[in-house]
Amino acid sequence: MTSLRVSVPMRIDFAGSTLDVYPLYLFEGGGLTVNAAINVMATASFETRSDQTIVIHSHDLDITEVIPSLNEMEFGGRLDLVKRALSYFHPEQGMEITINSQAPNGSGLGASSALLMALAHGLNALTARGLTSAQIIDIGANIEAQVIGIPTGKQDYFPPIFGGVCSMWFDVDGWRFERLDNDPELVRGLNERLIVSYCGVPHDSAVTNWAMLKSYIERQGDTVGHMRRIRQIANEMRACLLAGDYRHFADLLDDEWQLRRGLAEGVTNPEIERVMIAAKEAGAYASKICGAGGGGCMITTAEPVALPAVRIAIRAAGASVMPATVISKGIEMS
């Protein structure tokens, strides 16, 4: 019997979301996304069995499914991501897999992608496939596309593996990753100025991203111009983080959100706007919904002295402040 536990962080994103979605970044001559790992974790635990039975437990969904063997596995349902990963890696022995996500439902923190990275790295180790993390990222995007049925992005896969503050370029020849927090001051500076909260409304990033991609292809409204400016903001965001310019960081965060609100219907809603207004009136510089928008988690930035008042205002407006911080560490296997 072999036991393995894989733990990975999720992410908040600062700029360039949706530009990691194929083939949108090709239309824009390349995409750049900037995000960061946070200490909201996804875990996958494995214990091999002496028979061919697969047992999947999901703590956060409160679901258990028993599969007599991989050959008898049927796709679909709320555990389909696990099943698709099992189908690809095809372990020869049975196993019990226990998964858990600390993120609230529809968080926009890349929870399913983080979980997939934990699952894939664990199964890669147990099956001795010998795949690199770079290969697992590309395979993961294809697996997730099978599950959701529409094109998917890749930005969510990097923080779970590498941790820290990340820049990711996407282009014709693939992707390129850069770690921005080689100076630990960046992580400390961000944590002194950021609040992560859950607005109480879950979202579906796949649906929102698809709406944005469809709107871009059909040249609806100002979508193309907004997306082009979002790409420019991502470049500026990378530069200001490297420079430790937190005030400009806040301005860019606000600019990105104002543009994103106009990309597709449903990116914002009255609940989101109410929390953002309350945060700003309490002294926040800017707020932005994580991921594609539509609900889920929000990041808010303010000067350190203003953070206590902003937290109170966010709670009073109906959102839940999360004890989330940016972390440097990525995947852990034990």
C-alpha atoms as a PDB file:
ATOM      1  CA  MET A   1       0.000   0.000   0.000  1.00  0.00           C
ATOM      2  CA  THR A   2       1.248   3.474  -0.876  1.00  0.00           C
ATOM      3  CA  SER A   3      -0.006   6.755   0.548  1.00  0.00           C
ATOM      4  CA  LEU A   4       0.569  10.199  -0.919  1.00  0.00           C
ATOM      5  CA  ARG A   5      -0.768  13.659  -0.086  1.00  0.00           C
ATOM      6  CA  VAL A   6      -0.498  16.618  -2.466  1.00  0.00           C
ATOM      7  CA  SER A   7      -1.327  20.158  -1.353  1.00  0.00           C
ATOM      8  CA  VAL A   8      -1.389  23.226  -3.622  1.00  0.00           C
ATOM      9  CA  PRO A   9      -2.331  26.903  -3.238  1.00  0.00           C
ATOM     10  CA  MET A  10      -4.996  28.679  -5.251  1.00  0.00           C
ATOM     11  CA  ARG A  11      -4.582  32.128  -6.775  1.00  0.00           C
ATOM     12  CA  ILE A  12      -5.771  35.688  -6.964  1.00  0.00           C
ATOM     13  CA  ASP A  13      -5.294  37.497 -10.272  1.00  0.00           C
ATOM     14  CA  PHE A  14      -4.200  41.066 -10.825  1.00  0.00           C
ATOM     15  CA  ALA A  15      -4.383  41.627 -14.583  1.00  0.00           C
ATOM     16  CA  GLY A  16      -4.784  39.859 -17.900  1.00  0.00           C
ATOM     17  CA  SER A  17      -7.364  37.205 -17.044  1.00  0.00           C
ATOM     18  CA  THR A  18      -9.066  35.749 -20.146  1.00  0.00           C
ATOM     19  CA  LEU A  19      -5.955  36.540 -22.211  1.00  0.00           C
ATOM     20  CA  ASP A  20      -4.728  33.057 -21.220  1.00  0.00           C
ATOM     21  CA  VAL A  21      -7.666  31.439 -23.038  1.00  0.00           C
ATOM     22  CA  TYR A  22      -6.898  29.761 -26.372  1.00  0.00           C
ATOM     23  CA  PRO A  23      -7.166  31.133 -29.026  1.00  0.00           C
ATOM     24  CA  LEU A  24      -7.827  34.659 -27.725  1.00  0.00           C
ATOM     25  CA  TYR A  25      -4.181  35.403 -26.994  1.00  0.00           C
ATOM     26  CA  LEU A  26      -3.311  34.520 -30.585  1.00  0.00           C
ATOM     27  CA  PHE A  27      -5.701  37.178 -31.856  1.00  0.00           C
ATOM     28  CA  GLU A  28      -3.935  39.771 -29.691  1.00  0.00           C
ATOM     29  CA  GLY A  29      -0.392  38.843 -30.743  1.00  0.00           C
ATOM     30  CA  GLY A  30       0.224  37.149 -27.396  1.00  0.00           C
ATOM     31  CA  GLY A  31      -1.261  37.417 -23.939  1.00  0.00           C
ATOM     32  CA  LEU A  32       0.134  38.198 -20.504  1.00  0.00           C
ATOM     33  CA  THR A  33      -1.511  37.357 -17.181  1.00  0.00           C
ATOM     34  CA  VAL A  34      -0.270  38.408 -13.729  1.00  0.00           C
ATOM     35  CA  ASN A  35      -1.425  36.583 -10.593  1.00  0.00           C
ATOM     36  CA  ALA A  36      -0.289  35.305  -7.191  1.00  0.00           C
ATOM     37  CA  ALA A  37      -0.591  32.191  -5.032  1.00  0.00           C
ATOM     38  CA  ILE A  38      -2.556  32.488  -1.786  1.00  0.00           C
ATOM     39  CA  ASN A  39      -2.847  30.256   1.258  1.00  0.00           C
ATOM     40  CA  VAL A  40      -6.263  28.911   0.302  1.00  0.00           C
ATOM     41  CA  MET A  41      -5.438  25.302  -0.411  1.00  0.00           C
ATOM     42  CA  ALA A  42      -6.625  22.361  -2.478  1.00  0.00           C
ATOM     43  CA  THR A  43      -5.512  18.868  -1.444  1.00  0.00           C
ATOM     44  CA  ALA A  44      -5.603  15.412  -2.967  1.00  0.00           C
ATOM     45  CA  SER A  45      -4.730  12.365  -0.877  1.00  0.00           C
ATOM     46  CA  PHE A  46      -4.139   8.917  -2.381  1.00  0.00           C
ATOM     47  CA  GLU A  47      -3.987   5.456  -0.872  1.00  0.00           C
ATOM     48  CA  THR A  48      -3.477   2.496  -3.167  1.00  0.00           C
ATOM     49  CA  ARG A  49      -5.543  -0.674  -2.809  1.00  0.00           C
ATOM     50  CA  SER A  50      -4.881  -4.349  -3.490  1.00  0.00           C
ATOM     51  CA  ASP A  51      -7.861  -4.565  -5.877  1.00  0.00           C
ATOM     52  CA  GLN A  52      -9.050  -2.513  -8.868  1.00  0.00           C
ATOM     53  CA  THR A  53     -11.684  -0.486  -7.004  1.00  0.00           C
ATOM     54  CA  ILE A  54     -11.528   3.315  -7.193  1.00  0.00           C
ATOM     55  CA  VAL A  55     -13.123   5.221  -4.309  1.00  0.00           C
ATOM     56  CA  ILE A  56     -13.393   9.005  -4.616  1.00  0.00           C
ATOM     57  CA  HIS A  57     -14.260  11.096  -1.550  1.00  0.00           C
ATOM     58  CA  SER A  58     -14.903  14.847  -1.833  1.00  0.00           C
ATOM     59  CA  HIS A  59     -14.917  16.512   1.578  1.00  0.00           C
ATOM     60  CA  ASP A  60     -16.135  19.914   0.444  1.00  0.00           C
ATOM     61  CA  LEU A  61     -18.863  18.509  -1.817  1.00  0.00           C
ATOM     62  CA  ASP A  62     -19.749  15.759   0.690  1.00  0.00           C
ATOM     63  CA  ILE A  63     -19.794  13.145  -2.093  1.00  0.00           C
ATOM     64  CA  THR A  64     -18.371   9.618  -2.239  1.00  0.00           C
ATOM     65  CA  GLU A  65     -18.384   7.492  -5.384  1.00  0.00           C
ATOM     66  CA  VAL A  66     -17.237   3.877  -5.617  1.00  0.00           C
ATOM     67  CA  ILE A  67     -16.093   2.673  -9.044  1.00  0.00           C
ATOM     68  CA  PRO A  68     -15.476  -1.096  -9.379  1.00  0.00           C
ATOM     69  CA  SER A  69     -12.684  -0.547 -11.916  1.00  0.00           C
ATOM     70  CA  LEU A  70     -11.470   2.061 -14.389  1.00  0.00           C
ATOM     71  CA  ASN A  71     -13.017   0.058 -17.234  1.00  0.00           C
ATOM     72  CA  GLU A  72     -16.421   0.475 -15.576  1.00  0.00           C
ATOM     73  CA  MET A  73     -16.027   4.207 -14.859  1.00  0.00           C
ATOM     74  CA  GLU A  74     -18.716   6.452 -16.334  1.00  0.00           C
ATOM     75  CA  PHE A  75     -17.949  10.098 -17.000  1.00  0.00           C
ATOM     76  CA  GLY A  76     -20.079  12.986 -15.848  1.00  0.00           C
ATOM     77  CA  GLY A  77     -21.280  14.337 -12.549  1.00  0.00           C
ATOM     78  CA  ARG A  78     -19.597  16.575  -9.985  1.00  0.00           C
ATOM     79  CA  LEU A  79     -16.514  14.335  -9.755  1.00  0.00           C
ATOM     80  CA  ASP A  80     -15.860  14.334 -13.505  1.00  0.00           C
ATOM     81  CA  LEU A  81     -12.575  16.247 -13.130  1.00  0.00           C
ATOM     82  CA  VAL A  82     -11.176  13.423 -10.977  1.00  0.00           C
ATOM     83  CA  LYS A  83     -12.471  10.811 -13.401  1.00  0.00           C
ATOM     84  CA  ARG A  84     -10.893  12.535 -16.403  1.00  0.00           C
ATOM     85  CA  ALA A  85      -7.536  12.695 -14.610  1.00  0.00           C
ATOM     86  CA  LEU A  86      -7.821   9.011 -13.712  1.00  0.00           C
ATOM     87  CA  SER A  87      -8.685   8.156 -17.315  1.00  0.00           C
ATOM     88  CA  TYR A  88      -5.579   9.926 -18.601  1.00  0.00           C
ATOM     89  CA  PHE A  89      -3.087   8.517 -16.082  1.00  0.00           C
ATOM     90  CA  HIS A  90      -4.841   5.128 -15.915  1.00  0.00           C
ATOM     91  CA  PRO A  91      -3.305   3.664 -12.743  1.00  0.00           C
ATOM     92  CA  GLU A  92      -2.962  -0.127 -12.797  1.00  0.00           C
ATOM     93  CA  GLN A  93      -4.099  -0.574  -9.200  1.00  0.00           C
ATOM     94  CA  GLY A  94      -7.178   0.602  -7.348  1.00  0.00           C
ATOM     95  CA  MET A  95      -6.967   3.499  -4.953  1.00  0.00           C
ATOM     96  CA  GLU A  96      -8.865   5.751  -2.596  1.00  0.00           C
ATOM     97  CA  ILE A  97      -8.673   9.427  -3.498  1.00  0.00           C
ATOM     98  CA  THR A  98      -9.773  12.106  -1.062  1.00  0.00           C
ATOM     99  CA  ILE A  99     -10.063  15.676  -2.321  1.00  0.00           C
ATOM    100  CA  ASN A 100     -10.756  18.900  -0.485  1.00  0.00           C
ATOM    101  CA  SER A 101     -10.944  22.579  -1.381  1.00  0.00           C
ATOM    102  CA  GLN A 102     -10.800  25.424   1.130  1.00  0.00           C
ATOM    103  CA  ALA A 103     -12.368  27.846  -1.349  1.00  0.00           C
ATOM    104  CA  PRO A 104     -16.044  28.822  -1.129  1.00  0.00           C
ATOM    105  CA  ASN A 105     -18.370  27.666  -3.904  1.00  0.00           C
ATOM    106  CA  GLY A 106     -17.773  29.495  -7.201  1.00  0.00           C
ATOM    107  CA  SER A 107     -14.842  31.388  -5.687  1.00  0.00           C
ATOM    108  CA  GLY A 108     -13.075  32.546  -8.847  1.00  0.00           C
ATOM    109  CA  LEU A 109      -9.784  31.497  -7.218  1.00  0.00           C
ATOM    110  CA  GLY A 110      -9.045  28.767  -9.753  1.00  0.00           C
ATOM    111  CA  ALA A 111     -10.114  26.057  -7.297  1.00  0.00           C
ATOM    112  CA  SER A 112     -10.865  23.335  -9.844  1.00  0.00           C
ATOM    113  CA  SER A 113      -7.610  23.990 -11.699  1.00  0.00           C
ATOM    114  CA  ALA A 114      -5.623  23.896  -8.457  1.00  0.00           C
ATOM    115  CA  LEU A 115      -7.272  20.614  -7.540  1.00  0.00           C
ATOM    116  CA  LEU A 116      -6.472  19.236 -11.001  1.00  0.00           C
ATOM    117  CA  MET A 117      -2.800  20.116 -10.524  1.00  0.00           C
ATOM    118  CA  ALA A 118      -2.786  18.291  -7.182  1.00  0.00           C
ATOM    119  CA  LEU A 119      -4.506  15.269  -8.737  1.00  0.00           C
ATOM    120  CA  ALA A 120      -2.294  15.182 -11.813  1.00  0.00           C
ATOM    121  CA  HIS A 121       0.983  15.482  -9.905  1.00  0.00           C
ATOM    122  CA  GLY A 122      -0.123  12.790  -7.474  1.00  0.00           C
ATOM    123  CA  LEU A 123      -1.200  10.393 -10.213  1.00  0.00           C
ATOM    124  CA  ASN A 124       1.947  11.186 -12.188  1.00  0.00           C
ATOM    125  CA  ALA A 125       4.037  10.110  -9.194  1.00  0.00           C
ATOM    126  CA  LEU A 126       1.985   6.987  -8.434  1.00  0.00           C
ATOM    127  CA  THR A 127       1.982   5.777 -12.045  1.00  0.00           C
ATOM    128  CA  ALA A 128       5.662   6.696 -12.611  1.00  0.00           C
ATOM    129  CA  ARG A 129       4.740   8.501 -15.840  1.00  0.00           C
ATOM    130  CA  GLY A 130       7.677  10.876 -15.411  1.00  0.00           C
ATOM    131  CA  LEU A 131       5.896  13.931 -16.779  1.00  0.00           C
ATOM    132  CA  THR A 132       7.310  17.364 -16.013  1.00  0.00           C
ATOM    133  CA  SER A 133       5.191  20.093 -14.438  1.00  0.00           C
ATOM    134  CA  ALA A 134       5.285  21.908 -17.787  1.00  0.00           C
ATOM    135  CA  GLN A 135       3.775  18.884 -19.498  1.00  0.00           C
ATOM    136  CA  ILE A 136       1.178  18.509 -16.740  1.00  0.00           C
ATOM    137  CA  ILE A 137       0.078  22.129 -17.246  1.00  0.00           C
ATOM    138  CA  ASP A 138      -0.658  21.507 -20.935  1.00  0.00           C
ATOM    139  CA  ILE A 139      -2.341  18.171 -20.233  1.00  0.00           C
ATOM    140  CA  GLY A 140      -4.369  19.773 -17.451  1.00  0.00           C
ATOM    141  CA  ALA A 141      -5.762  22.418 -19.795  1.00  0.00           C
ATOM    142  CA  ASN A 142      -6.911  19.693 -22.176  1.00  0.00           C
ATOM    143  CA  ILE A 143      -8.478  17.644 -19.384  1.00  0.00           C
ATOM    144  CA  GLU A 144     -10.329  20.658 -18.021  1.00  0.00           C
ATOM    145  CA  ALA A 145     -11.602  21.526 -21.499  1.00  0.00           C
ATOM    146  CA  GLN A 146     -13.039  18.001 -21.702  1.00  0.00           C
ATOM    147  CA  VAL A 147     -14.875  18.606 -18.433  1.00  0.00           C
ATOM    148  CA  ILE A 148     -16.307  22.065 -19.111  1.00  0.00           C
ATOM    149  CA  GLY A 149     -16.852  21.619 -22.856  1.00  0.00           C
ATOM    150  CA  ILE A 150     -15.409  24.969 -23.957  1.00  0.00           C
ATOM    151  CA  PRO A 151     -11.887  26.459 -24.354  1.00  0.00           C
ATOM    152  CA  THR A 152     -10.051  27.022 -21.091  1.00  0.00           C
ATOM    153  CA  GLY A 153      -7.121  29.155 -19.962  1.00  0.00           C
ATOM    154  CA  LYS A 154      -3.909  28.173 -18.209  1.00  0.00           C
ATOM    155  CA  GLN A 155      -3.187  30.963 -15.714  1.00  0.00           C
ATOM    156  CA  ASP A 156      -4.729  28.983 -12.837  1.00  0.00           C
ATOM    157  CA  TYR A 157      -2.186  26.152 -13.133  1.00  0.00           C
ATOM    158  CA  PHE A 158       0.979  28.111 -12.363  1.00  0.00           C
ATOM    159  CA  PRO A 159       0.512  29.390  -8.781  1.00  0.00           C
ATOM    160  CA  PRO A 160      -0.452  25.906  -7.500  1.00  0.00           C
ATOM    161  CA  ILE A 161       2.834  24.525  -8.799  1.00  0.00           C
ATOM    162  CA  PHE A 162       5.280  27.393  -8.399  1.00  0.00           C
ATOM    163  CA  GLY A 163       3.711  29.636  -5.748  1.00  0.00           C
ATOM    164  CA  GLY A 164       4.596  33.317  -5.407  1.00  0.00           C
ATOM    165  CA  VAL A 165       3.760  36.210  -7.716  1.00  0.00           C
ATOM    166  CA  CYS A 166       3.652  35.099 -11.329  1.00  0.00           C
ATOM    167  CA  SER A 167       3.759  36.452 -14.864  1.00  0.00           C
ATOM    168  CA  MET A 168       2.743  34.125 -17.696  1.00  0.00           C
ATOM    169  CA  TRP A 169       3.067  34.833 -21.398  1.00  0.00           C
ATOM    170  CA  PHE A 170       0.965  32.922 -23.943  1.00  0.00           C
ATOM    171  CA  ASP A 171       1.826  32.966 -27.640  1.00  0.00           C
ATOM    172  CA  VAL A 172       2.120  30.951 -30.855  1.00  0.00           C
ATOM    173  CA  ASP A 173       5.039  28.927 -29.531  1.00  0.00           C
ATOM    174  CA  GLY A 174       3.435  28.085 -26.190  1.00  0.00           C
ATOM    175  CA  TRP A 175       3.789  29.704 -22.783  1.00  0.00           C
ATOM    176  CA  ARG A 176       6.545  31.231 -20.696  1.00  0.00           C
ATOM    177  CA  PHE A 177       6.570  31.636 -16.919  1.00  0.00           C
ATOM    178  CA  GLU A 178       8.328  34.277 -14.813  1.00  0.00           C
ATOM    179  CA  ARG A 179       8.517  34.522 -11.030  1.00  0.00           C
ATOM    180  CA  LEU A 180       8.214  38.149  -9.896  1.00  0.00           C
ATOM    181  CA  ASP A 181       8.792  37.777  -6.147  1.00  0.00           C
ATOM    182  CA  ASN A 182      12.502  36.989  -6.121  1.00  0.00           C
ATOM    183  CA  ASP A 183      12.640  39.876  -3.654  1.00  0.00           C
ATOM    184  CA  PRO A 184      10.538  38.709  -0.645  1.00  0.00           C
ATOM    185  CA  GLU A 185       9.591  42.349  -0.036  1.00  0.00           C
ATOM    186  CA  LEU A 186       7.005  42.050  -2.803  1.00  0.00           C
ATOM    187  CA  VAL A 187       5.011  39.376  -0.968  1.00  0.00           C
ATOM    188  CA  ARG A 188       5.206  41.328   2.286  1.00  0.00           C
ATOM    189  CA  GLY A 189       4.200  44.585   0.597  1.00  0.00           C
ATOM    190  CA  LEU A 190       1.192  43.012  -1.093  1.00  0.00           C
ATOM    191  CA  ASN A 191       0.009  41.335   2.096  1.00  0.00           C
ATOM    192  CA  GLU A 192       0.140  44.667   3.911  1.00  0.00           C
ATOM    193  CA  ARG A 193      -2.222  46.182   1.327  1.00  0.00           C
ATOM    194  CA  LEU A 194      -4.588  43.426   0.135  1.00  0.00           C
ATOM    195  CA  ILE A 195      -7.887  42.034   1.384  1.00  0.00           C
ATOM    196  CA  VAL A 196      -9.500  38.931  -0.128  1.00  0.00           C
ATOM    197  CA  SER A 197     -13.247  38.613   0.415  1.00  0.00           C
ATOM    198  CA  TYR A 198     -16.116  36.476  -0.850  1.00  0.00           C
ATOM    199  CA  CYS A 199     -19.024  38.531  -2.133  1.00  0.00           C
ATOM    200  CA  GLY A 200     -21.561  35.796  -1.434  1.00  0.00           C
ATOM    201  CA  VAL A 201     -22.498  35.169  -5.061  1.00  0.00           C
ATOM    202  CA  PRO A 202     -20.848  32.159  -6.776  1.00  0.00           C
ATOM    203  CA  HIS A 203     -19.711  32.462 -10.359  1.00  0.00           C
ATOM    204  CA  ASP A 204     -18.893  30.227 -13.323  1.00  0.00           C
ATOM    205  CA  SER A 205     -15.668  31.447 -14.911  1.00  0.00           C
ATOM    206  CA  ALA A 206     -15.987  29.089 -17.870  1.00  0.00           C
ATOM    207  CA  VAL A 207     -19.316  30.607 -18.894  1.00  0.00           C
ATOM    208  CA  THR A 208     -18.083  34.185 -18.398  1.00  0.00           C
ATOM    209  CA  ASN A 209     -14.838  33.590 -20.302  1.00  0.00           C
ATOM    210  CA  TRP A 210     -16.791  32.006 -23.143  1.00  0.00           C
ATOM    211  CA  ALA A 211     -19.093  35.028 -23.289  1.00  0.00           C
ATOM    212  CA  MET A 212     -16.045  37.309 -23.503  1.00  0.00           C
ATOM    213  CA  LEU A 213     -14.404  35.196 -26.220  1.00  0.00           C
ATOM    214  CA  LYS A 214     -17.635  35.055 -28.209  1.00  0.00           C
ATOM    215  CA  SER A 215     -18.105  38.804 -27.840  1.00  0.00           C
ATOM    216  CA  TYR A 216     -14.512  39.388 -29.025  1.00  0.00           C
ATOM    217  CA  ILE A 217     -14.872  37.145 -32.093  1.00  0.00           C
ATOM    218  CA  GLU A 218     -18.156  38.764 -33.044  1.00  0.00           C
ATOM    219  CA  ARG A 219     -16.689  42.243 -32.480  1.00  0.00           C
ATOM    220  CA  GLN A 220     -19.502  43.209 -30.149  1.00  0.00           C
ATOM    221  CA  GLY A 221     -19.353  46.719 -28.719  1.00  0.00           C
ATOM    222  CA  ASP A 222     -15.983  47.785 -27.327  1.00  0.00           C
ATOM    223  CA  THR A 223     -14.825  44.245 -26.492  1.00  0.00           C
ATOM    224  CA  VAL A 224     -11.769  44.229 -28.755  1.00  0.00           C
ATOM    225  CA  GLY A 225     -10.581  47.639 -27.595  1.00  0.00           C
ATOM    226  CA  HIS A 226     -11.132  46.763 -23.938  1.00  0.00           C
ATOM    227  CA  MET A 227      -9.261  43.479 -24.276  1.00  0.00           C
ATOM    228  CA  ARG A 228      -6.378  45.241 -25.998  1.00  0.00           C
ATOM    229  CA  ARG A 229      -6.142  47.748 -23.152  1.00  0.00           C
ATOM    230  CA  ILE A 230      -6.319  44.913 -20.584  1.00  0.00           C
ATOM    231  CA  ARG A 231      -3.294  43.371 -22.265  1.00  0.00           C
ATOM    232  CA  GLN A 232      -1.427  46.686 -21.936  1.00  0.00           C
ATOM    233  CA  ILE A 233      -2.428  46.929 -18.271  1.00  0.00           C
ATOM    234  CA  ALA A 234      -1.010  43.448 -17.640  1.00  0.00           C
ATOM    235  CA  ASN A 235       2.361  44.610 -18.964  1.00  0.00           C
ATOM    236  CA  GLU A 236       2.209  47.722 -16.791  1.00  0.00           C
ATOM    237  CA  MET A 237       1.135  45.629 -13.795  1.00  0.00           C
ATOM    238  CA  ARG A 238       4.155  43.360 -14.155  1.00  0.00           C
ATOM    239  CA  ALA A 239       6.465  46.380 -14.282  1.00  0.00           C
ATOM    240  CA  CYS A 240       4.949  48.138 -11.274  1.00  0.00           C
ATOM    241  CA  LEU A 241       5.100  44.970  -9.141  1.00  0.00           C
ATOM    242  CA  LEU A 242       8.769  44.527  -9.991  1.00  0.00           C
ATOM    243  CA  ALA A 243       9.295  48.163  -8.980  1.00  0.00           C
ATOM    244  CA  GLY A 244       7.240  47.810  -5.779  1.00  0.00           C
ATOM    245  CA  ASP A 245       4.997  50.710  -6.830  1.00  0.00           C
ATOM    246  CA  TYR A 246       1.887  49.792  -4.834  1.00  0.00           C
ATOM    247  CA  ARG A 247       0.019  53.021  -5.523  1.00  0.00           C
ATOM    248  CA  HIS A 248       0.268  52.523  -9.274  1.00  0.00           C
ATOM    249  CA  PHE A 249      -0.639  48.876  -8.708  1.00  0.00           C
ATOM    250  CA  ALA A 250      -3.951  50.055  -7.193  1.00  0.00           C
ATOM    251  CA  ASP A 251      -4.659  52.360 -10.143  1.00  0.00           C
ATOM    252  CA  LEU A 252      -4.016  49.542 -12.610  1.00  0.00           C
ATOM    253  CA  LEU A 253      -6.206  47.168 -10.639  1.00  0.00           C
ATOM    254  CA  ASP A 254      -9.052  49.669 -10.870  1.00  0.00           C
ATOM    255  CA  ASP A 255      -8.440  50.305 -14.586  1.00  0.00           C
ATOM    256  CA  GLU A 256      -8.516  46.563 -15.288  1.00  0.00           C
ATOM    257  CA  TRP A 257     -11.788  46.116 -13.438  1.00  0.00           C
ATOM    258  CA  GLN A 258     -13.486  49.061 -15.132  1.00  0.00           C
ATOM    259  CA  LEU A 259     -12.588  47.608 -18.525  1.00  0.00           C
ATOM    260  CA  ARG A 260     -13.562  44.050 -17.547  1.00  0.00           C
ATOM    261  CA  ARG A 261     -17.022  45.215 -16.460  1.00  0.00           C
ATOM    262  CA  GLY A 262     -17.721  46.080 -20.093  1.00  0.00           C
ATOM    263  CA  LEU A 263     -16.508  42.843 -21.664  1.00  0.00           C
ATOM    264  CA  ALA A 264     -19.674  40.798 -21.209  1.00  0.00           C
ATOM    265  CA  GLU A 265     -23.046  40.891 -19.519  1.00  0.00           C
ATOM    266  CA  GLY A 266     -23.012  39.575 -15.964  1.00  0.00           C
ATOM    267  CA  VAL A 267     -19.385  40.409 -15.112  1.00  0.00           C
ATOM    268  CA  THR A 268     -20.692  42.588 -12.291  1.00  0.00           C
ATOM    269  CA  ASN A 269     -23.956  42.740 -10.349  1.00  0.00           C
ATOM    270  CA  PRO A 270     -25.584  44.860  -7.606  1.00  0.00           C
ATOM    271  CA  GLU A 271     -24.101  42.736  -4.798  1.00  0.00           C
ATOM    272  CA  ILE A 272     -20.566  43.188  -6.137  1.00  0.00           C
ATOM    273  CA  GLU A 273     -21.024  46.904  -6.708  1.00  0.00           C
ATOM    274  CA  ARG A 274     -22.408  47.405  -3.191  1.00  0.00           C
ATOM    275  CA  VAL A 275     -19.351  45.805  -1.572  1.00  0.00           C
ATOM    276  CA  MET A 276     -16.934  47.729  -3.794  1.00  0.00           C
ATOM    277  CA  ILE A 277     -18.586  51.057  -3.023  1.00  0.00           C
ATOM    278  CA  ALA A 278     -18.497  50.327   0.713  1.00  0.00           C
ATOM    279  CA  ALA A 279     -14.795  49.449   0.531  1.00  0.00           C
ATOM    280  CA  LYS A 280     -13.972  52.632  -1.372  1.00  0.00           C
ATOM    281  CA  GLU A 281     -15.919  54.835   1.025  1.00  0.00           C
ATOM    282  CA  ALA A 282     -13.920  53.280   3.874  1.00  0.00           C
ATOM    283  CA  GLY A 283     -10.610  54.192   2.252  1.00  0.00           C
ATOM    284  CA  ALA A 284      -9.835  51.478  -0.314  1.00  0.00           C
ATOM    285  CA  TYR A 285      -8.104  52.501  -3.523  1.00  0.00           C
ATOM    286  CA  ALA A 286      -9.537  49.766  -5.742  1.00  0.00           C
ATOM    287  CA  SER A 287     -11.328  46.422  -5.869  1.00  0.00           C
ATOM    288  CA  LYS A 288     -11.552  43.742  -8.524  1.00  0.00           C
ATOM    289  CA  ILE A 289     -13.430  40.457  -8.806  1.00  0.00           C
ATOM    290  CA  CYS A 290     -11.091  37.495  -9.259  1.00  0.00           C
ATOM    291  CA  GLY A 291     -11.105  35.529 -12.483  1.00  0.00           C
ATOM    292  CA  ALA A 292     -13.527  36.380 -15.246  1.00  0.00           C
ATOM    293  CA  GLY A 293     -16.031  38.071 -12.941  1.00  0.00           C
ATOM    294  CA  GLY A 294     -19.688  37.518 -12.238  1.00  0.00           C
ATOM    295  CA  GLY A 295     -19.284  36.708  -8.562  1.00  0.00           C
ATOM    296  CA  GLY A 296     -16.954  34.803  -6.279  1.00  0.00           C
ATOM    297  CA  CYS A 297     -13.999  36.394  -4.525  1.00  0.00           C
ATOM    298  CA  MET A 298     -12.826  39.982  -4.652  1.00  0.00           C
ATOM    299  CA  ILE A 299      -9.455  41.570  -3.970  1.00  0.00           C
ATOM    300  CA  THR A 300      -9.298  45.045  -2.482  1.00  0.00           C
ATOM    301  CA  THR A 301      -6.218  47.200  -2.032  1.00  0.00           C
ATOM    302  CA  ALA A 302      -5.652  50.061   0.389  1.00  0.00           C
ATOM    303  CA  GLU A 303      -2.870  51.629   2.412  1.00  0.00           C
ATOM    304  CA  PRO A 304      -1.977  49.505   5.477  1.00  0.00           C
ATOM    305  CA  VAL A 305      -3.430  52.069   7.883  1.00  0.00           C
ATOM    306  CA  ALA A 306      -6.823  51.889   6.131  1.00  0.00           C
ATOM    307  CA  LEU A 307      -7.137  48.095   6.022  1.00  0.00           C
ATOM    308  CA  PRO A 308      -8.990  47.611   9.364  1.00  0.00           C
ATOM    309  CA  ALA A 309     -11.728  50.090   8.398  1.00  0.00           C
ATOM    310  CA  VAL A 310     -12.023  48.601   4.917  1.00  0.00           C
ATOM    311  CA  ARG A 311     -12.429  45.090   6.344  1.00  0.00           C
ATOM    312  CA  ILE A 312     -15.251  46.301   8.582  1.00  0.00           C
ATOM    313  CA  ALA A 313     -16.970  48.035   5.649  1.00  0.00           C
ATOM    314  CA  ILE A 314     -16.712  44.945   3.446  1.00  0.00           C
ATOM    315  CA  ARG A 315     -18.316  42.783   6.130  1.00  0.00           C
ATOM    316  CA  ALA A 316     -21.045  45.355   6.739  1.00  0.00           C
ATOM    317  CA  ALA A 317     -21.849  45.309   3.008  1.00  0.00           C
ATOM    318  CA  GLY A 318     -22.502  41.571   3.146  1.00  0.00           C
ATOM    319  CA  ALA A 319     -19.207  40.016   2.035  1.00  0.00           C
ATOM    320  CA  SER A 320     -17.011  37.628   4.018  1.00  0.00           C
ATOM    321  CA  VAL A 321     -13.400  38.658   4.598  1.00  0.00           C
ATOM    322  CA  MET A 322     -11.110  35.668   4.115  1.00  0.00           C
ATOM    323  CA  PRO A 323      -7.855  35.091   6.048  1.00  0.00           C
ATOM    324  CA  ALA A 324      -5.979  34.807   2.760  1.00  0.00           C
ATOM    325  CA  THR A 325      -2.439  35.995   2.118  1.00  0.00           C
ATOM    326  CA  VAL A 326       0.010  35.779  -0.780  1.00  0.00           C
ATOM    327  CA  ILE A 327       2.516  32.951  -0.258  1.00  0.00           C
ATOM    328  CA  SER A 328       5.788  32.016  -1.939  1.00  0.00           C
ATOM    329  CA  LYS A 329       5.437  28.256  -1.652  1.00  0.00           C
ATOM    330  CA  GLY A 330       3.765  26.132  -4.306  1.00  0.00           C
ATOM    331  CA  ILE A 331       3.044  22.412  -4.480  1.00  0.00           C
ATOM    332  CA  GLU A 332       3.949  20.136  -1.573  1.00  0.00           C
ATOM    333  CA  MET A 333       3.958  16.325  -1.791  1.00  0.00           C
ATOM    334  CA  SER A 334       4.357  14.011   1.182  1.00  0.00           C
END
